[in-house]
Protein backbone atom coordinates (compact mmCIF):
# COMPACT_ATOMS: atom_id res chain seq x y z
CA LYS A 1 64.40 13.27 140.61
CA VAL A 2 68.70 13.03 139.75
CA ASP A 3 70.74 14.82 141.98
CA LEU A 4 73.57 16.26 140.08
CA PRO A 5 76.07 19.11 140.81
CA ALA A 6 75.49 21.98 138.65
CA HIS A 7 78.88 21.29 137.00
CA LYS A 8 77.77 17.70 135.73
CA ILE A 9 74.56 18.96 134.85
CA ALA A 10 76.29 21.76 132.44
CA GLU A 11 78.33 19.47 131.14
CA LEU A 12 75.76 17.22 129.78
CA ARG A 13 73.50 20.10 128.37
CA MET A 14 76.54 20.95 126.13
CA VAL A 15 77.01 17.63 125.28
CA LEU A 16 73.33 17.32 124.10
CA PHE A 17 73.56 21.09 122.73
CA LYS A 18 76.57 19.57 120.49
CA LEU A 19 74.28 16.22 119.44
CA ARG A 20 71.70 18.33 118.51
CA ALA A 21 74.16 21.19 116.54
CA ASP A 22 75.35 17.64 114.63
CA VAL A 23 72.14 16.44 113.92
CA HIS A 24 70.78 20.08 111.98
CA TYR A 25 74.54 20.00 110.59
CA GLY A 26 73.69 16.62 108.80
CA ARG A 27 70.68 18.09 107.44
CA GLY A 28 71.47 21.12 106.33
CA GLU A 29 69.57 23.15 108.65
CA TRP A 30 72.18 25.74 109.62
CA ASP A 31 69.98 28.04 111.31
CA GLU A 32 68.99 25.45 114.01
CA CYS A 33 72.37 24.27 114.22
CA LYS A 34 74.03 27.52 114.79
CA LYS A 35 71.68 28.11 117.76
CA ASN A 36 72.43 24.87 119.13
CA LEU A 37 76.41 26.06 118.99
CA SER A 38 75.64 29.15 120.51
CA ASN A 39 73.89 27.75 123.44
CA LEU A 40 76.73 25.38 123.68
CA LEU A 41 79.22 28.14 123.74
CA GLU A 42 77.37 30.19 126.07
CA ILE A 43 77.62 27.13 128.66
CA ALA A 44 81.08 26.64 128.12
CA ALA A 45 81.82 29.82 128.83
CA LYS A 46 80.46 30.36 132.08
CA GLN A 47 81.83 27.22 132.98
CA GLY A 48 85.40 27.98 131.77
CA ASP A 49 85.32 24.91 129.78
CA LYS A 50 88.28 26.29 127.38
CA TYR A 51 88.11 23.11 125.27
CA MET A 52 84.52 23.06 124.63
CA LEU A 53 84.72 26.53 123.71
CA VAL A 54 87.24 25.72 120.82
CA ALA A 55 85.43 22.62 119.88
CA GLY A 56 82.13 24.73 119.35
CA GLN A 57 83.75 27.37 117.77
CA LEU A 58 85.32 25.19 115.29
CA GLU A 59 81.82 23.70 114.46
CA LEU A 60 80.41 27.21 113.98
CA GLY A 61 83.04 28.18 111.90
CA ARG A 62 81.88 25.50 109.64
CA VAL A 63 78.55 26.63 109.49
CA HIS A 64 79.25 29.69 108.65
CA THR A 65 81.44 28.48 105.53
CA ARG A 66 78.46 26.37 104.77
CA MET A 67 76.23 29.10 104.79
CA GLY A 68 78.72 31.25 102.73
CA LEU A 69 79.45 33.74 105.44
CA MET A 70 83.41 33.41 104.70
CA THR A 71 84.17 36.80 106.47
CA GLU A 72 82.79 35.51 109.79
CA ALA A 73 84.00 32.18 109.10
CA GLU A 74 87.70 33.23 108.80
CA ASP A 75 87.28 35.68 111.71
CA LEU A 76 86.08 33.07 114.23
CA LEU A 77 88.51 30.37 112.53
CA LYS A 78 91.73 32.78 113.56
CA GLU A 79 90.01 33.41 117.13
CA THR A 80 89.77 29.29 117.39
CA GLN A 81 93.22 28.41 116.19
CA ALA A 82 94.53 31.62 118.91
CA ALA A 83 92.54 29.41 121.58
CA ALA A 84 93.50 26.25 120.32
CA LEU A 85 96.98 27.12 120.47
CA GLN A 86 96.51 28.46 123.95
CA ILE A 87 95.41 25.32 125.50
CA GLN A 88 97.42 22.91 123.07
CA ALA A 89 94.47 21.31 121.01
CA GLN A 90 96.79 20.15 118.22
CA GLU A 91 94.12 18.58 116.61
CA GLU A 92 91.82 21.17 116.52
CA VAL A 93 94.52 23.74 115.16
CA VAL A 94 95.48 21.39 112.42
CA GLU A 95 91.56 21.30 112.16
CA VAL A 96 91.45 24.83 111.07
CA TYR A 97 94.02 24.93 108.83
CA PHE A 98 91.69 22.65 106.80
CA GLU A 99 89.12 25.04 107.39
CA LEU A 100 90.53 28.68 106.40
CA ALA A 101 92.04 26.85 103.25
CA ALA A 102 88.46 25.94 102.53
CA VAL A 103 87.42 29.33 102.72
CA ALA A 104 90.30 30.51 100.90
CA TRP A 105 89.21 28.14 98.13
CA GLY A 106 85.57 29.51 98.16
CA ARG A 107 87.11 33.02 97.53
CA GLY A 108 89.32 31.46 94.62
CA ASP A 109 92.19 32.41 96.41
CA LEU A 110 94.52 29.00 95.71
CA GLU A 111 97.58 30.02 96.66
CA VAL A 112 96.36 31.08 100.24
CA CYS A 113 94.63 27.55 99.95
CA ARG A 114 97.87 25.77 99.01
CA GLY A 115 100.06 27.69 101.81
CA LEU A 116 97.46 26.78 104.52
CA ALA A 117 97.12 23.22 103.34
CA GLU A 118 100.81 23.06 103.50
CA GLU A 119 101.05 24.40 106.75
CA GLY A 120 98.61 22.33 108.37
CA LEU A 121 100.33 19.09 106.70
CA VAL A 122 103.40 19.72 108.96
CA LEU A 123 101.40 19.39 111.94
CA ALA A 124 98.93 16.62 110.76
CA VAL A 125 101.39 13.72 111.90
CA GLY A 126 100.41 10.73 113.63
CA ASP A 127 97.49 8.64 114.71
CA SER A 128 95.03 11.28 115.90
CA MET A 129 95.74 13.32 112.81
CA ARG A 130 94.94 10.60 110.47
CA LYS A 131 91.49 12.22 109.33
CA PRO A 132 92.55 16.07 109.39
CA ARG A 133 95.51 15.05 107.32
CA VAL A 134 93.08 13.71 104.85
CA GLU A 135 91.27 16.52 104.69
CA LEU A 136 94.54 18.70 104.22
CA LEU A 137 95.69 16.96 101.42
CA LEU A 138 92.55 16.63 99.80
CA ALA A 139 92.78 20.53 99.58
CA LEU A 140 96.57 20.70 98.79
CA THR A 141 95.80 18.39 95.88
CA ALA A 142 92.76 20.28 94.51
CA VAL A 143 95.23 23.55 94.09
CA GLN A 144 97.63 20.75 92.60
CA ALA A 145 95.13 19.60 90.17
CA PHE A 146 93.67 22.90 89.18
CA ASN A 147 97.44 24.23 88.66
CA GLY A 148 97.87 21.42 86.36
CA GLN A 149 100.59 19.64 88.72
CA LEU A 150 98.74 16.44 88.01
CA LYS A 151 101.50 13.84 89.20
CA GLU A 152 101.73 15.86 92.64
CA ALA A 153 98.08 15.83 92.86
CA ALA A 154 97.16 12.08 92.21
CA ALA A 155 100.17 10.99 94.77
CA GLY A 156 98.35 13.13 97.51
CA ILE A 157 95.44 11.37 96.66
CA GLU A 158 97.05 7.92 96.48
CA GLU A 159 98.69 9.01 100.16
CA ALA A 160 95.28 10.59 101.56
CA GLN A 161 93.39 6.93 99.97
CA ASP A 162 96.08 4.76 101.79
CA ILE A 163 94.91 6.41 105.14
CA LEU A 164 91.28 6.03 104.59
CA ARG A 165 91.50 2.50 103.86
CA GLN A 166 93.13 2.16 107.52
CA ILE A 167 90.43 4.70 109.07
CA GLY A 168 87.78 3.12 107.23
CA HIS A 169 86.09 6.57 106.65
CA LYS A 170 84.04 5.83 103.48
CA ARG A 171 82.46 9.11 102.85
CA LEU A 172 86.02 11.00 102.56
CA SER A 173 87.09 7.68 100.36
CA CYS A 174 84.24 8.69 97.85
CA VAL A 175 85.68 11.97 97.75
CA ALA A 176 89.43 10.86 97.30
CA LEU A 177 88.64 8.57 94.46
CA CYS A 178 86.15 11.21 92.54
CA ASN A 179 89.03 13.47 92.55
CA LEU A 180 91.69 10.76 91.51
CA SER A 181 89.61 9.51 88.98
CA GLU A 182 89.28 13.14 87.49
CA ILE A 183 92.94 13.59 87.61
CA TYR A 184 93.26 10.42 85.76
CA VAL A 185 90.92 11.79 83.13
CA TRP A 186 93.04 15.02 82.78
CA GLN A 187 95.95 13.11 82.28
């Protein structure tokens, strides 16, 4: 039997629930993902772990978006952004901008999507912000392309692709290259 302090056990349980949620997310098993994130959030609240609360809420917001629960996603993401600002979790603040932009895109509100992406890009500076910067660039360039601003969109995707080469993120690189090829076809 291992004798660990209660706070360490709680910390390990949160890690376990996060890992389980990640597996279910990858499989598209949204209900199971939500259950694990709810368990994580419950423990984080009891432990007063504000960072884990923000991280768990961000993931739950993403799940709501994937499930098409846009109102729930938007409400939770706005709450998450406020909490992230309070604890100065800058990367999470920027990630929320992307997720809110995705919600706006899903609703067909392209100007809100553009505004959120632009606001997030102002903050997405530095090495720790490279992946969130790429996501925001892809959101912004999707709006630009849709609005016929093909040169601007191509330039933004090329910036994203440069970053993706540096960090070696193949899935997003495929998305960026597909978007870029589509823009080239439209020109």
